[in-house]
Amino acid sequence: MAFLCTETFLAGSDGKAVDGGKRLQSRLEGALHNLTNTKGRPGTRSVHCGTKAEDGQSDTLADRTGLNFAPAPIKLREERDFLSEEWKQIWDDCTIEFSDEEAGASIYVPDRRIRFGPFFLMHSYTITDFEKIVLHEYLHAAFRFDNTLKSFHHGMMEQVLIYNLRYKPPANPVSVD
């Protein structure tokens, strides 16, 4: 089950309230609901926390509260969408978090951490935009192609999001390519 780490949207690394964090969390909840056709179930998960290393990983684990969303995104298909055989397990391993260190949105593939930064507190995106953003980051880990091929991944995302899943362009509403 993908895990929306709700705690991280309420307080930043300095312990202070995240202005607009609850609104961002609510939009991500709506996006995850639409992607999985399920409501998030309260739960806890041990997640990486603290300052990230160069590879995006952190050795420190902490139990965090949040919402579990299962199963994998319902509209995706392994063969049609160029997904690895482990795509459903990859979804289960994903955590979606807020990080005041993050410039925009990214996934740290080894840990399956999708992180949203303060940029999303300053700009209004729709729930549909967040669906595409979450899928964009998830697909970096779920494609059957090597993760070092980022520009190739982005072309494949266009195929999956626009042509296969029929989202309206652009495939990435925050495109910084």
Protein backbone atom coordinates (compact mmCIF):
# COMPACT_ATOMS: atom_id res chain seq x y z
CA MET A 1 0.00 0.00 0.00
CA ALA A 2 1.37 3.40 -0.89
CA PHE A 3 1.65 5.43 2.29
CA LEU A 4 0.83 9.14 2.57
CA CYS A 5 2.92 10.25 5.54
CA THR A 6 0.47 12.85 6.86
CA GLU A 7 2.69 13.89 9.78
CA THR A 8 5.23 15.43 7.41
CA PHE A 9 2.67 17.83 5.95
CA LEU A 10 1.84 19.30 9.35
CA ALA A 11 5.30 20.14 10.72
CA GLY A 12 8.56 20.84 8.92
CA SER A 13 12.01 19.61 9.92
CA ASP A 14 12.24 22.55 12.32
CA GLY A 15 9.10 21.38 14.13
CA LYS A 16 7.09 24.44 13.08
CA ALA A 17 3.70 24.17 11.39
CA VAL A 18 3.81 23.96 7.59
CA ASP A 19 1.69 26.84 6.29
CA GLY A 20 -0.58 25.27 3.66
CA GLY A 21 0.59 21.74 4.49
CA LYS A 22 -2.89 20.46 5.34
CA ARG A 23 -4.25 21.78 2.02
CA LEU A 24 -1.45 20.07 0.09
CA GLN A 25 -2.05 16.85 2.01
CA SER A 26 -5.78 16.99 1.20
CA ARG A 27 -5.09 17.38 -2.52
CA LEU A 28 -2.69 14.46 -2.47
CA GLU A 29 -5.29 12.38 -0.61
CA GLY A 30 -7.78 13.19 -3.40
CA ALA A 31 -5.23 12.27 -6.06
CA LEU A 32 -4.38 8.97 -4.37
CA HIS A 33 -8.07 8.18 -3.96
CA ASN A 34 -8.62 8.74 -7.68
CA LEU A 35 -5.57 6.65 -8.62
CA THR A 36 -6.46 3.66 -6.45
CA ASN A 37 -10.25 3.96 -6.12
CA THR A 38 -9.79 3.53 -2.37
CA LYS A 39 -9.87 5.83 0.62
CA GLY A 40 -6.75 6.02 2.72
CA ARG A 41 -6.82 3.83 5.79
CA PRO A 42 -5.07 5.16 8.90
CA GLY A 43 -1.84 3.39 9.70
CA THR A 44 1.78 3.76 10.65
CA ARG A 45 4.96 2.96 8.78
CA SER A 46 8.64 3.11 9.54
CA VAL A 47 9.95 5.75 7.17
CA HIS A 48 13.35 7.25 6.51
CA CYS A 49 13.72 10.62 8.14
CA GLY A 50 16.31 13.22 8.81
CA THR A 51 18.73 14.76 6.36
CA LYS A 52 19.12 12.82 3.16
CA ALA A 53 22.46 11.51 1.99
CA GLU A 54 23.76 12.11 -1.54
CA ASP A 55 21.88 9.04 -2.78
CA GLY A 56 18.60 10.30 -1.28
CA GLN A 57 18.61 7.72 1.46
CA SER A 58 18.64 8.23 5.18
CA ASP A 59 19.82 5.68 7.71
CA THR A 60 17.41 6.95 10.36
CA LEU A 61 13.98 5.29 10.57
CA ALA A 62 11.00 6.54 12.56
CA ASP A 63 7.41 5.37 12.89
CA ARG A 64 5.08 7.92 11.29
CA THR A 65 1.31 8.11 11.08
CA GLY A 66 -0.49 8.47 7.79
CA LEU A 67 -2.84 6.87 5.32
CA ASN A 68 -2.38 3.62 3.37
CA PHE A 69 -3.68 3.57 -0.20
CA ALA A 70 -4.07 0.24 -1.98
CA PRO A 71 -3.96 -1.33 -4.46
CA ALA A 72 -1.64 -0.10 -7.19
CA PRO A 73 -3.10 2.56 -9.52
CA ILE A 74 -6.09 0.88 -11.12
CA LYS A 75 -5.67 2.20 -14.66
CA LEU A 76 -2.08 1.04 -15.13
CA ARG A 77 -1.33 -2.15 -17.09
CA GLU A 78 2.03 -3.91 -16.92
CA GLU A 79 2.60 -4.65 -20.60
CA ARG A 80 0.89 -1.63 -22.13
CA ASP A 81 2.57 0.83 -19.76
CA PHE A 82 6.11 -0.64 -19.87
CA LEU A 83 6.08 -1.55 -16.17
CA SER A 84 8.46 -3.93 -14.45
CA GLU A 85 7.14 -7.18 -13.03
CA GLU A 86 7.46 -5.65 -9.54
CA TRP A 87 5.34 -2.56 -10.29
CA LYS A 88 2.67 -3.44 -7.73
CA GLN A 89 5.25 -4.11 -5.03
CA ILE A 90 6.95 -0.82 -5.89
CA TRP A 91 3.63 0.97 -5.30
CA ASP A 92 3.24 -0.83 -1.96
CA ASP A 93 6.71 0.34 -0.92
CA CYS A 94 6.14 4.02 -1.81
CA THR A 95 5.90 6.71 0.83
CA ILE A 96 4.61 10.15 -0.12
CA GLU A 97 6.01 12.86 2.12
CA PHE A 98 6.52 16.57 2.52
CA SER A 99 10.11 17.74 2.83
CA ASP A 100 11.19 21.33 3.24
CA GLU A 101 14.54 20.27 1.69
CA GLU A 102 12.89 19.30 -1.61
CA ALA A 103 12.87 21.84 -4.42
CA GLY A 104 9.83 20.40 -6.24
CA ALA A 105 8.84 16.74 -6.35
CA SER A 106 11.08 13.73 -6.70
CA ILE A 107 11.40 10.06 -5.98
CA TYR A 108 14.40 8.49 -4.34
CA VAL A 109 14.17 5.14 -6.07
CA PRO A 110 16.01 2.85 -3.63
CA ASP A 111 13.79 3.91 -0.73
CA ARG A 112 10.67 4.53 -2.87
CA ARG A 113 10.29 7.98 -1.26
CA ILE A 114 8.17 10.46 -3.21
CA ARG A 115 8.79 13.87 -1.70
CA PHE A 116 6.98 17.16 -2.26
CA GLY A 117 8.62 20.45 -1.35
CA PRO A 118 7.53 23.99 -0.45
CA PHE A 119 7.06 24.85 -4.14
CA PHE A 120 3.69 23.10 -3.95
CA LEU A 121 2.63 25.27 -1.01
CA MET A 122 3.05 28.42 -3.11
CA HIS A 123 1.26 27.25 -6.27
CA SER A 124 -2.22 25.90 -6.89
CA TYR A 125 -2.45 22.59 -8.65
CA THR A 126 -5.60 20.55 -9.14
CA ILE A 127 -6.16 17.06 -7.82
CA THR A 128 -5.78 15.82 -11.41
CA ASP A 129 -2.42 17.61 -11.62
CA PHE A 130 -1.34 15.81 -8.46
CA GLU A 131 -2.43 12.48 -9.94
CA LYS A 132 -0.06 13.11 -12.85
CA ILE A 133 2.74 14.30 -10.56
CA VAL A 134 2.48 11.25 -8.28
CA LEU A 135 2.36 8.93 -11.30
CA HIS A 136 5.32 10.75 -12.86
CA GLU A 137 7.49 10.14 -9.81
CA TYR A 138 6.24 6.58 -9.28
CA LEU A 139 6.90 5.63 -12.91
CA HIS A 140 10.59 6.51 -12.49
CA ALA A 141 10.77 3.50 -10.13
CA ALA A 142 8.19 1.27 -11.84
CA PHE A 143 9.30 1.34 -15.49
CA ARG A 144 11.07 -1.78 -16.69
CA PHE A 145 13.79 0.46 -18.15
CA ASP A 146 16.90 1.49 -16.24
CA ASN A 147 16.33 4.50 -13.97
CA THR A 148 19.45 6.22 -15.32
CA LEU A 149 17.58 6.91 -18.57
CA LYS A 150 15.64 9.94 -17.18
CA SER A 151 14.99 11.64 -20.54
CA PHE A 152 13.80 8.34 -22.00
CA HIS A 153 11.55 7.90 -18.95
CA HIS A 154 9.98 11.30 -19.57
CA GLY A 155 9.12 10.35 -23.15
CA MET A 156 7.56 7.10 -21.91
CA MET A 157 5.60 9.02 -19.28
CA GLU A 158 4.07 11.14 -22.01
CA GLN A 159 3.00 7.91 -23.74
CA VAL A 160 1.55 6.40 -20.56
CA LEU A 161 -0.14 9.49 -19.09
CA ILE A 162 -1.46 11.17 -22.23
CA TYR A 163 -2.08 8.35 -24.69
CA ASN A 164 -2.65 5.29 -22.50
CA LEU A 165 -4.38 6.84 -19.48
CA ARG A 166 -5.90 9.72 -21.47
CA TYR A 167 -4.93 12.61 -19.21
CA LYS A 168 -5.00 16.01 -20.89
CA PRO A 169 -1.54 17.42 -21.70
CA PRO A 170 0.89 18.24 -20.31
CA ALA A 171 2.05 14.93 -18.85
CA ASN A 172 3.93 16.85 -16.16
CA PRO A 173 2.14 20.05 -15.08
CA VAL A 174 5.35 21.23 -13.38
CA SER A 175 7.68 20.40 -16.25
CA VAL A 176 11.21 21.56 -15.57
CA ASP A 177 12.94 19.48 -18.24
